[in-house]
Every structure is written in C-alpha cells, then in structure tokens.
Amino acid sequence: MTRYWINTVSRDHLLNGVEGGFTQVQHGSRSGLRRLAKGDLIVFYSPRTAFEGGDPLQAFTALAEVSDEAPYQMVMTRDFRPWRRNVRFLPAGEAPIAPLIEPLEFIRDKRRWGFPFRRGLFEIGEADFGRIADAMGMAR
C-alpha cells in the first residue's frame, strides 16, 4: 500500500538530491527514513531557496518515488555521515503553497499553516498528495 509524505528541504539541498537520485531528512537523520517503503511517494516542500541565507520560496518543489528497500549511510566528511534513501524524481513543476493552504487537509490551522512543515518528514493523505501533484502538473 502506497503511503504519501512531505519532506521539508531547502531548494539548494533538494537540487543535490535530484542530481544524485536520493533524499535525506532532518540533516541526515536515519529515524525518519526508516518509515519510508519502496513505492511510497514524496512531495518536497522548500521554505527557502537555500539552507543558509536563502530567499523565502514557500513552494512545493519536487515529487519522487522511493526506489530502494532501506536507508543507507553516506560518508561526506569525517564528521558528516548522513543517511539517505534512493528515489526516482518524477516530472513536475514547482507550485507555490499559498493557493493550496485552504484545501489541504493536513494544514488544520490555516493561520499557522507553516507549523506542520517544521517536522521535516511527515505523512499526508492521498487526497492531499493529489491536490499538490495536480498543482505541480504531474500527469496521473
């Protein structure tokens, strides 16, 4: 059974993942990645263009399907060894969140709509995934 997720990540970090065919969560944490299963679908939300000093973006920036069975660790430096999952990015454009705030069910408090994204990776329902995917122009 397919599950649907949102992963909050700056656009610059997302583009690294697009280039490498992977995703990370919460600065390389393993815990969230263990909840993902092969075939699950992920929407990426980017609050900013860059992790440090980026401009506000507040848009859904990519869609992907989990393509592996388990998290794996990557050695980037002696002190940074993030956990990753392989994903297949799907054809989609970016979509600003503003027009979607009202219809998205996972955003319960429309005045404080940004609160759910602070969790990093979180599960959403199929209907919300469909609304976002449609706004991003994903053919289904």
Foldseek 3Di string as FASTA:
>chain_A
DAFEKEFEDAQVVVVVCQVVQKDFWDQQDFVVQAVDAAFYKYWYFHQFNDPPPGHGDQKGAWMWGFHDGGWDWDPPDPPGIGIITGIGTADWGIAHCVVVLVVAPVQPPSVPSCVVCVVRMDTGDPVNVVVRRVRRVGDD
